[in-house]
Amino acid sequence: MADNDDEARRKLEKPQCSAEAVVEFVRASFVLPCGGEIDASSAKELNSYDDRNFHVRTTSGAQYTLKVHNGVESQNQPLLDAQSAMMRHLTERGVKCPCPVVGVDGRDIARMNLPLRQGARDARRDHAVRVLTWVDGSIADDCRDAHTPAFMRELGAFLGRMVRALESFRHPGAERWHQWDNANAPTVRKFMDAVEDPARRAIAEGVLDDFEAKVSPVAGSLRRGATHNDANEQNVIVRLETSGECAGPFRATPVGIIDFGDINVSWRVNDVAIACAYYTLNKRDPVGDAAQCLAGFESEFPLTDAERSIVPTLMAARLVVSCVLGAYSAARDPANKEYLLTTQKPGWEVLGALRAAGDEEILRRFAAARSEK
């Protein structure tokens, strides 16, 4: 079992590199299947918690993501292999996601030696670098006005198909202890000092107490398997349809999933609970949106009574983990503070709303949404 000190190490071992250096390294290490050279001027950094990701275009117009893994995951080759295998597995089953490009040595991963931040265990680290195919579309976070009840139901159905496809996926590299696994939510107490507001700390502690009272007793009955584990609004790709009479999108359809950095083997219900948690942020009716997402999910992957009963607690637990670790990470990575604190204010607001509503009312609305045609 890994130590949750890995979370601290990830901050110290985030790759220290420029886009230009990564492009030069990839040019020497990979042959891109669509041909053409990477246009270095096209490199644009994408948001990432602990890794470095760059969107690039080639001279032939093809698009790719260049991913440099943090130092912790770079040392876990079985996990990197599992990520590649899961992406290929989902692609083969019609779930659109990135796929790894094979390097000149026939491997998915190349190694780039980079310096580490002051305070890390070592001065330098061989970081894993991969090239991923690009998934066309927009991230769901860029079209919040299109997050209608119908969209939330379609999102749930898309994730249900993904979880169903993962039922046949097995890889030993996905078996790991991970701080972001909902099953390990209570261990986030170790980082609670990063939350300065006593009222917020009390909310978080209350959620974790609920977890231990409601989830832990039924944990043995929950179905387990490989999970994506991070279907947030930054990681779902949507297709936007616009009208000639309207400047903005009027419909968004979930079409793909990205970012396989948090995969692990855990409770299958986690994938929908995590999505429900994140897609309630900045919403007028967070419980209603979660209800539609869960209803769509169950149209493709029905939950057991035990799984369904703990979804409200699992939602709240994920938001606590996100808020607490976001505060912890922001204190150690000031340059990435804006992204790391994305869920902070709305996350605490939703936690307050979930606590105020109570499980009974949330489950009642879940049942009402499932009964809708």
Protein backbone atom coordinates (compact mmCIF):
# COMPACT_ATOMS: atom_id res chain seq x y z
CA MET A 1 0.00 0.00 0.00
CA ALA A 2 1.37 3.40 -0.94
CA ASP A 3 1.71 6.08 1.70
CA ASN A 4 -0.47 9.17 1.37
CA ASP A 5 2.79 11.15 1.61
CA ASP A 6 2.79 10.55 -2.16
CA GLU A 7 0.36 13.49 -2.36
CA ALA A 8 3.03 15.76 -0.89
CA ARG A 9 5.68 14.33 -3.20
CA ARG A 10 3.56 15.06 -6.28
CA LYS A 11 3.77 18.78 -5.55
CA LEU A 12 7.55 18.66 -5.26
CA GLU A 13 7.93 16.43 -8.30
CA LYS A 14 5.70 18.25 -10.78
CA PRO A 15 7.71 18.40 -14.03
CA GLN A 16 9.91 21.47 -14.40
CA CYS A 17 10.08 21.95 -18.16
CA SER A 18 9.24 24.33 -20.96
CA ALA A 19 6.96 23.61 -23.89
CA GLU A 20 9.90 24.08 -26.27
CA ALA A 21 11.99 21.45 -24.45
CA VAL A 22 9.14 18.95 -24.45
CA VAL A 23 8.47 19.48 -28.16
CA GLU A 24 12.14 18.96 -28.98
CA PHE A 25 12.23 15.79 -26.88
CA VAL A 26 9.08 14.37 -28.49
CA ARG A 27 10.37 15.08 -32.00
CA ALA A 28 13.36 12.85 -31.26
CA SER A 29 11.42 10.15 -29.41
CA PHE A 30 8.15 9.63 -31.33
CA VAL A 31 7.02 9.27 -34.94
CA LEU A 32 3.56 10.77 -35.23
CA PRO A 33 1.11 8.58 -37.19
CA CYS A 34 -0.53 11.46 -39.07
CA GLY A 35 2.79 12.76 -40.38
CA GLY A 36 4.21 16.23 -40.26
CA GLU A 37 6.44 17.93 -37.71
CA ILE A 38 5.14 19.45 -34.51
CA ASP A 39 4.81 23.20 -34.90
CA ALA A 40 6.55 24.40 -31.72
CA SER A 41 4.76 27.75 -31.88
CA SER A 42 1.42 25.97 -31.54
CA ALA A 43 2.21 24.49 -28.10
CA LYS A 44 -0.33 25.60 -25.50
CA GLU A 45 -0.22 24.43 -21.90
CA LEU A 46 -3.39 22.79 -20.56
CA ASN A 47 -4.60 22.71 -16.97
CA SER A 48 -3.22 19.90 -14.86
CA TYR A 49 -3.06 19.10 -11.17
CA ASP A 50 0.36 17.44 -10.90
CA ASP A 51 1.51 16.77 -14.49
CA ARG A 52 2.33 19.07 -17.43
CA ASN A 53 0.16 18.81 -20.56
CA PHE A 54 0.65 20.63 -23.87
CA HIS A 55 -1.70 20.81 -26.83
CA VAL A 56 0.18 20.91 -30.13
CA ARG A 57 -0.52 20.91 -33.85
CA THR A 58 1.62 19.48 -36.59
CA THR A 59 2.46 21.04 -39.93
CA SER A 60 -0.10 18.66 -41.48
CA GLY A 61 -2.85 19.91 -39.15
CA ALA A 62 -3.05 16.94 -36.77
CA GLN A 63 -3.47 17.62 -33.05
CA TYR A 64 -1.93 15.83 -30.06
CA THR A 65 -1.43 16.14 -26.33
CA LEU A 66 2.13 15.92 -25.04
CA LYS A 67 1.98 14.69 -21.45
CA VAL A 68 4.84 14.81 -18.93
CA HIS A 69 3.94 12.78 -15.84
CA ASN A 70 4.83 13.88 -12.32
CA GLY A 71 7.74 12.17 -10.62
CA VAL A 72 5.63 9.86 -8.47
CA GLU A 73 3.64 8.27 -11.29
CA SER A 74 6.74 8.28 -13.51
CA GLN A 75 8.24 5.69 -11.16
CA ASN A 76 5.15 3.46 -11.39
CA GLN A 77 5.52 1.70 -14.74
CA PRO A 78 2.69 -0.79 -14.04
CA LEU A 79 0.29 2.13 -13.54
CA LEU A 80 1.45 3.81 -16.76
CA ASP A 81 0.89 0.52 -18.60
CA ALA A 82 -2.59 0.24 -17.07
CA GLN A 83 -3.47 3.75 -18.26
CA SER A 84 -2.43 2.90 -21.81
CA ALA A 85 -4.34 -0.39 -21.68
CA MET A 86 -7.51 1.27 -20.37
CA MET A 87 -7.48 3.93 -23.08
CA ARG A 88 -7.12 1.29 -25.79
CA HIS A 89 -9.76 -0.91 -24.16
CA LEU A 90 -12.35 1.89 -24.10
CA THR A 91 -11.53 2.99 -27.65
CA GLU A 92 -12.04 -0.54 -28.93
CA ARG A 93 -15.49 -0.57 -27.28
CA GLY A 94 -16.68 2.70 -28.75
CA VAL A 95 -15.95 5.02 -25.83
CA LYS A 96 -13.99 7.91 -27.31
CA CYS A 97 -10.82 8.84 -25.44
CA PRO A 98 -7.15 9.60 -26.20
CA CYS A 99 -4.88 6.77 -27.31
CA PRO A 100 -1.11 6.53 -26.78
CA VAL A 101 1.24 7.00 -29.72
CA VAL A 102 4.07 4.46 -29.87
CA GLY A 103 7.60 5.83 -29.66
CA VAL A 104 10.54 5.05 -31.93
CA ASP A 105 11.54 2.23 -29.55
CA GLY A 106 8.08 0.60 -29.77
CA ARG A 107 7.02 1.74 -26.30
CA ASP A 108 4.23 4.10 -25.20
CA ILE A 109 6.54 5.95 -22.80
CA ALA A 110 9.82 7.82 -23.25
CA ARG A 111 11.91 9.15 -20.35
CA MET A 112 12.95 12.80 -20.02
CA ASN A 113 15.43 13.72 -17.29
CA LEU A 114 14.38 16.93 -15.52
CA PRO A 115 15.32 18.84 -12.37
CA LEU A 116 13.06 18.67 -9.32
CA ARG A 117 11.97 21.49 -7.05
CA GLN A 118 13.95 22.35 -3.97
CA GLY A 119 12.85 20.09 -1.13
CA ALA A 120 12.35 16.98 -3.26
CA ARG A 121 14.12 13.76 -2.32
CA ASP A 122 16.37 13.88 -5.36
CA ALA A 123 17.85 16.61 -7.53
CA ARG A 124 16.53 15.16 -10.81
CA ARG A 125 14.03 12.59 -12.04
CA ASP A 126 13.40 10.64 -15.23
CA HIS A 127 9.86 11.75 -16.05
CA ALA A 128 7.55 9.63 -18.19
CA VAL A 129 6.53 11.39 -21.41
CA ARG A 130 3.77 10.24 -23.71
CA VAL A 131 2.03 11.49 -26.83
CA LEU A 132 -1.76 11.11 -26.91
CA THR A 133 -4.18 11.44 -29.78
CA TRP A 134 -6.46 14.46 -29.53
CA VAL A 135 -10.19 14.13 -28.84
CA ASP A 136 -12.09 16.75 -30.83
CA GLY A 137 -14.65 18.86 -29.01
CA SER A 138 -14.87 21.20 -26.06
CA ILE A 139 -14.50 20.47 -22.37
CA ALA A 140 -17.84 20.44 -20.58
CA ASP A 141 -16.71 23.25 -18.26
CA ASP A 142 -16.61 25.64 -21.23
CA CYS A 143 -20.34 25.34 -21.94
CA ARG A 144 -22.08 25.49 -18.58
CA ASP A 145 -25.10 27.25 -20.10
CA ALA A 146 -25.76 24.03 -22.00
CA HIS A 147 -25.85 21.87 -18.84
CA THR A 148 -29.59 21.36 -19.10
CA PRO A 149 -31.43 18.48 -17.38
CA ALA A 150 -31.28 16.64 -20.72
CA PHE A 151 -27.51 17.15 -20.89
CA MET A 152 -27.06 15.87 -17.34
CA ARG A 153 -29.04 12.75 -18.19
CA GLU A 154 -26.97 12.21 -21.35
CA LEU A 155 -23.80 12.70 -19.31
CA GLY A 156 -24.90 10.01 -16.89
CA ALA A 157 -25.74 7.63 -19.74
CA PHE A 158 -22.33 8.23 -21.33
CA LEU A 159 -20.61 7.41 -18.05
CA GLY A 160 -22.82 4.36 -17.61
CA ARG A 161 -21.62 3.05 -20.97
CA MET A 162 -18.03 3.73 -19.93
CA VAL A 163 -18.43 1.82 -16.67
CA ARG A 164 -20.12 -1.04 -18.50
CA ALA A 165 -17.20 -1.20 -20.94
CA LEU A 166 -14.78 -1.28 -18.01
CA GLU A 167 -16.45 -4.38 -16.56
CA SER A 168 -14.29 -6.47 -18.88
CA PHE A 169 -11.07 -4.55 -18.16
CA ARG A 170 -8.41 -6.05 -15.91
CA HIS A 171 -4.85 -4.85 -15.35
CA PRO A 172 -2.67 -5.37 -12.27
CA GLY A 173 -1.23 -1.87 -12.63
CA ALA A 174 -4.60 -0.35 -11.75
CA GLU A 175 -4.52 -2.01 -8.33
CA ARG A 176 -3.08 0.66 -6.07
CA TRP A 177 -3.72 2.77 -3.00
CA HIS A 178 -4.66 6.26 -4.16
CA GLN A 179 -5.47 9.36 -2.13
CA TRP A 180 -8.18 10.32 -4.64
CA ASP A 181 -9.98 6.99 -4.33
CA ASN A 182 -13.30 7.70 -2.61
CA ALA A 183 -12.77 4.57 -0.54
CA ASN A 184 -9.85 6.39 1.11
CA ALA A 185 -11.70 9.66 1.74
CA PRO A 186 -11.31 9.56 5.56
CA THR A 187 -7.51 9.67 5.23
CA VAL A 188 -7.76 13.26 3.95
CA ARG A 189 -8.01 14.29 7.59
CA LYS A 190 -4.21 14.34 7.50
CA PHE A 191 -4.38 17.47 5.30
CA MET A 192 -7.23 19.21 7.15
CA ASP A 193 -4.95 21.89 8.64
CA ALA A 194 -4.75 23.40 5.13
CA VAL A 195 -8.40 24.51 5.55
CA GLU A 196 -8.12 27.73 7.54
CA ASP A 197 -11.84 28.41 8.09
CA PRO A 198 -13.07 26.55 11.23
CA ALA A 199 -16.65 26.38 9.90
CA ARG A 200 -15.48 24.71 6.71
CA ARG A 201 -13.31 22.28 8.67
CA ALA A 202 -16.38 21.37 10.72
CA ILE A 203 -18.38 20.66 7.54
CA ALA A 204 -15.59 18.47 6.19
CA GLU A 205 -15.23 16.56 9.44
CA GLY A 206 -18.99 16.00 9.52
CA VAL A 207 -18.96 14.55 6.00
CA LEU A 208 -16.12 12.19 6.88
CA ASP A 209 -17.94 11.12 10.06
CA ASP A 210 -21.00 10.37 7.90
CA PHE A 211 -18.80 8.37 5.52
CA GLU A 212 -17.54 6.18 8.33
CA ALA A 213 -21.09 5.69 9.67
CA LYS A 214 -22.90 5.08 6.35
CA VAL A 215 -20.38 3.88 3.76
CA SER A 216 -17.86 1.84 5.72
CA PRO A 217 -20.48 -0.68 7.01
CA VAL A 218 -21.65 -1.55 3.46
CA ALA A 219 -18.24 -1.35 1.74
CA GLY A 220 -17.97 -5.12 1.45
CA SER A 221 -21.18 -5.30 -0.61
CA LEU A 222 -20.15 -2.70 -3.20
CA ARG A 223 -19.13 -3.92 -6.65
CA ARG A 224 -15.47 -3.32 -7.47
CA GLY A 225 -13.58 -2.91 -10.71
CA ALA A 226 -11.37 -0.59 -12.71
CA THR A 227 -12.57 3.02 -12.58
CA HIS A 228 -11.70 6.23 -14.43
CA ASN A 229 -12.10 8.00 -11.09
CA ASP A 230 -12.18 11.62 -12.28
CA ALA A 231 -15.09 12.36 -14.64
CA ASN A 232 -15.19 16.04 -13.74
CA GLU A 233 -16.25 18.92 -15.97
CA GLN A 234 -12.66 19.39 -17.17
CA ASN A 235 -12.36 15.77 -18.31
CA VAL A 236 -15.56 15.18 -20.31
CA ILE A 237 -15.45 16.24 -23.96
CA VAL A 238 -18.67 17.48 -25.55
CA ARG A 239 -19.81 18.26 -29.07
CA LEU A 240 -21.49 21.64 -29.37
CA GLU A 241 -24.29 22.24 -31.84
CA THR A 242 -25.04 25.84 -32.70
CA SER A 243 -27.80 27.54 -34.62
CA GLY A 244 -27.25 29.95 -37.46
CA GLU A 245 -29.53 32.35 -35.60
CA CYS A 246 -27.69 32.00 -32.29
CA ALA A 247 -24.12 32.96 -31.50
CA GLY A 248 -23.72 30.48 -28.63
CA PRO A 249 -24.23 26.78 -28.14
CA PHE A 250 -27.78 25.56 -27.64
CA ARG A 251 -26.97 21.89 -27.17
CA ALA A 252 -24.00 19.95 -25.82
CA THR A 253 -23.59 16.20 -26.20
CA PRO A 254 -21.00 14.20 -24.19
CA VAL A 255 -18.74 12.39 -26.66
CA GLY A 256 -15.46 11.58 -24.91
CA ILE A 257 -13.45 11.22 -21.72
CA ILE A 258 -9.87 12.32 -21.08
CA ASP A 259 -7.24 12.30 -18.29
CA PHE A 260 -6.57 8.78 -17.03
CA GLY A 261 -4.18 9.89 -14.30
CA ASP A 262 -6.42 8.81 -11.41
CA ILE A 263 -7.47 5.35 -12.57
CA ASN A 264 -7.59 2.63 -9.95
CA VAL A 265 -9.59 -0.37 -8.82
CA SER A 266 -12.35 0.64 -6.44
CA TRP A 267 -16.13 0.78 -6.09
CA ARG A 268 -17.86 1.07 -9.47
CA VAL A 269 -20.39 3.52 -8.04
CA ASN A 270 -17.56 6.03 -7.57
CA ASP A 271 -17.49 7.08 -11.23
CA VAL A 272 -21.06 8.40 -11.19
CA ALA A 273 -20.81 9.81 -7.65
CA ILE A 274 -17.69 11.77 -8.62
CA ALA A 275 -19.38 13.16 -11.73
CA CYS A 276 -22.48 14.11 -9.74
CA ALA A 277 -20.25 15.92 -7.23
CA TYR A 278 -18.38 18.06 -9.74
CA TYR A 279 -21.32 18.81 -12.04
CA THR A 280 -23.26 20.32 -9.14
CA LEU A 281 -20.76 23.17 -8.81
CA ASN A 282 -22.12 26.64 -9.64
CA LYS A 283 -25.60 25.25 -10.32
CA ARG A 284 -28.93 26.69 -9.18
CA ASP A 285 -30.31 23.23 -8.40
CA PRO A 286 -27.33 20.99 -7.59
CA VAL A 287 -29.44 18.12 -6.27
CA GLY A 288 -31.68 18.21 -9.34
CA ASP A 289 -28.69 18.08 -11.70
CA ALA A 290 -27.18 15.18 -9.74
CA ALA A 291 -30.52 13.36 -9.89
CA GLN A 292 -30.67 13.64 -13.68
CA CYS A 293 -27.06 12.44 -14.03
CA LEU A 294 -27.69 9.44 -11.81
CA ALA A 295 -30.91 8.58 -13.68
CA GLY A 296 -29.04 8.61 -16.99
CA PHE A 297 -26.27 6.48 -15.54
CA GLU A 298 -28.71 3.88 -14.25
CA SER A 299 -30.34 3.63 -17.67
CA GLU A 300 -27.05 2.07 -18.81
CA PHE A 301 -25.60 0.65 -15.57
CA PRO A 302 -28.19 0.06 -12.83
CA LEU A 303 -26.96 0.38 -9.26
CA THR A 304 -27.80 -1.88 -6.36
CA ASP A 305 -29.89 -0.50 -3.50
CA ALA A 306 -26.79 -0.34 -1.29
CA GLU A 307 -24.80 1.56 -3.94
CA ARG A 308 -27.60 4.03 -4.61
CA SER A 309 -28.16 4.74 -0.91
CA ILE A 310 -24.60 6.03 -0.42
CA VAL A 311 -24.32 8.22 -3.52
CA PRO A 312 -25.10 11.42 -1.54
CA THR A 313 -22.34 10.60 0.95
CA LEU A 314 -19.87 9.68 -1.80
CA MET A 315 -20.63 12.95 -3.60
CA ALA A 316 -19.95 14.95 -0.47
CA ALA A 317 -16.82 12.93 0.32
CA ARG A 318 -15.32 13.69 -3.10
CA LEU A 319 -15.99 17.40 -2.66
CA VAL A 320 -14.31 17.32 0.75
CA VAL A 321 -11.26 15.57 -0.71
CA SER A 322 -11.14 18.07 -3.58
CA CYS A 323 -11.50 21.12 -1.34
CA VAL A 324 -9.03 19.94 1.28
CA LEU A 325 -6.37 18.76 -1.16
CA GLY A 326 -6.93 21.84 -3.31
CA ALA A 327 -6.12 24.05 -0.33
CA TYR A 328 -3.12 21.90 0.55
CA SER A 329 -1.79 21.87 -3.02
CA ALA A 330 -2.30 25.61 -3.59
CA ALA A 331 -0.12 26.37 -0.58
CA ARG A 332 2.68 24.32 -2.15
CA ASP A 333 2.20 25.27 -5.82
CA PRO A 334 1.36 29.01 -5.90
CA ALA A 335 1.93 29.28 -9.66
CA ASN A 336 -0.94 26.81 -10.24
CA LYS A 337 -3.14 28.24 -7.48
CA GLU A 338 -6.02 29.41 -9.68
CA TYR A 339 -6.56 25.96 -11.20
CA LEU A 340 -6.00 24.11 -7.91
CA LEU A 341 -8.65 26.20 -6.17
CA THR A 342 -11.22 25.76 -8.96
CA THR A 343 -13.61 23.80 -6.74
CA GLN A 344 -13.00 25.67 -3.48
CA LYS A 345 -15.76 28.28 -3.10
CA PRO A 346 -18.45 26.46 -5.11
CA GLY A 347 -17.39 23.18 -3.52
CA TRP A 348 -18.02 24.46 0.00
CA GLU A 349 -21.32 25.98 -1.18
CA VAL A 350 -22.51 22.65 -2.58
CA LEU A 351 -21.37 20.83 0.56
CA GLY A 352 -23.54 23.21 2.56
CA ALA A 353 -26.48 22.60 0.24
CA LEU A 354 -26.11 18.81 0.44
CA ARG A 355 -25.89 18.91 4.23
CA ALA A 356 -28.94 21.18 4.40
CA ALA A 357 -31.01 18.96 2.11
CA GLY A 358 -30.16 15.71 3.90
CA ASP A 359 -29.85 12.22 2.46
CA GLU A 360 -33.58 11.46 2.67
CA GLU A 361 -34.56 14.41 0.45
CA ILE A 362 -31.68 13.82 -1.96
CA LEU A 363 -32.62 10.15 -2.37
CA ARG A 364 -36.28 11.13 -2.85
CA ARG A 365 -35.29 13.38 -5.74
CA PHE A 366 -33.05 10.67 -7.15
CA ALA A 367 -36.04 8.30 -7.19
CA ALA A 368 -38.28 10.94 -8.82
CA ALA A 369 -35.76 11.48 -11.63
CA ARG A 370 -35.48 7.74 -12.29
CA SER A 371 -39.25 7.54 -12.72
CA GLU A 372 -39.28 10.25 -15.41
CA LYS A 373 -39.69 9.12 -19.00
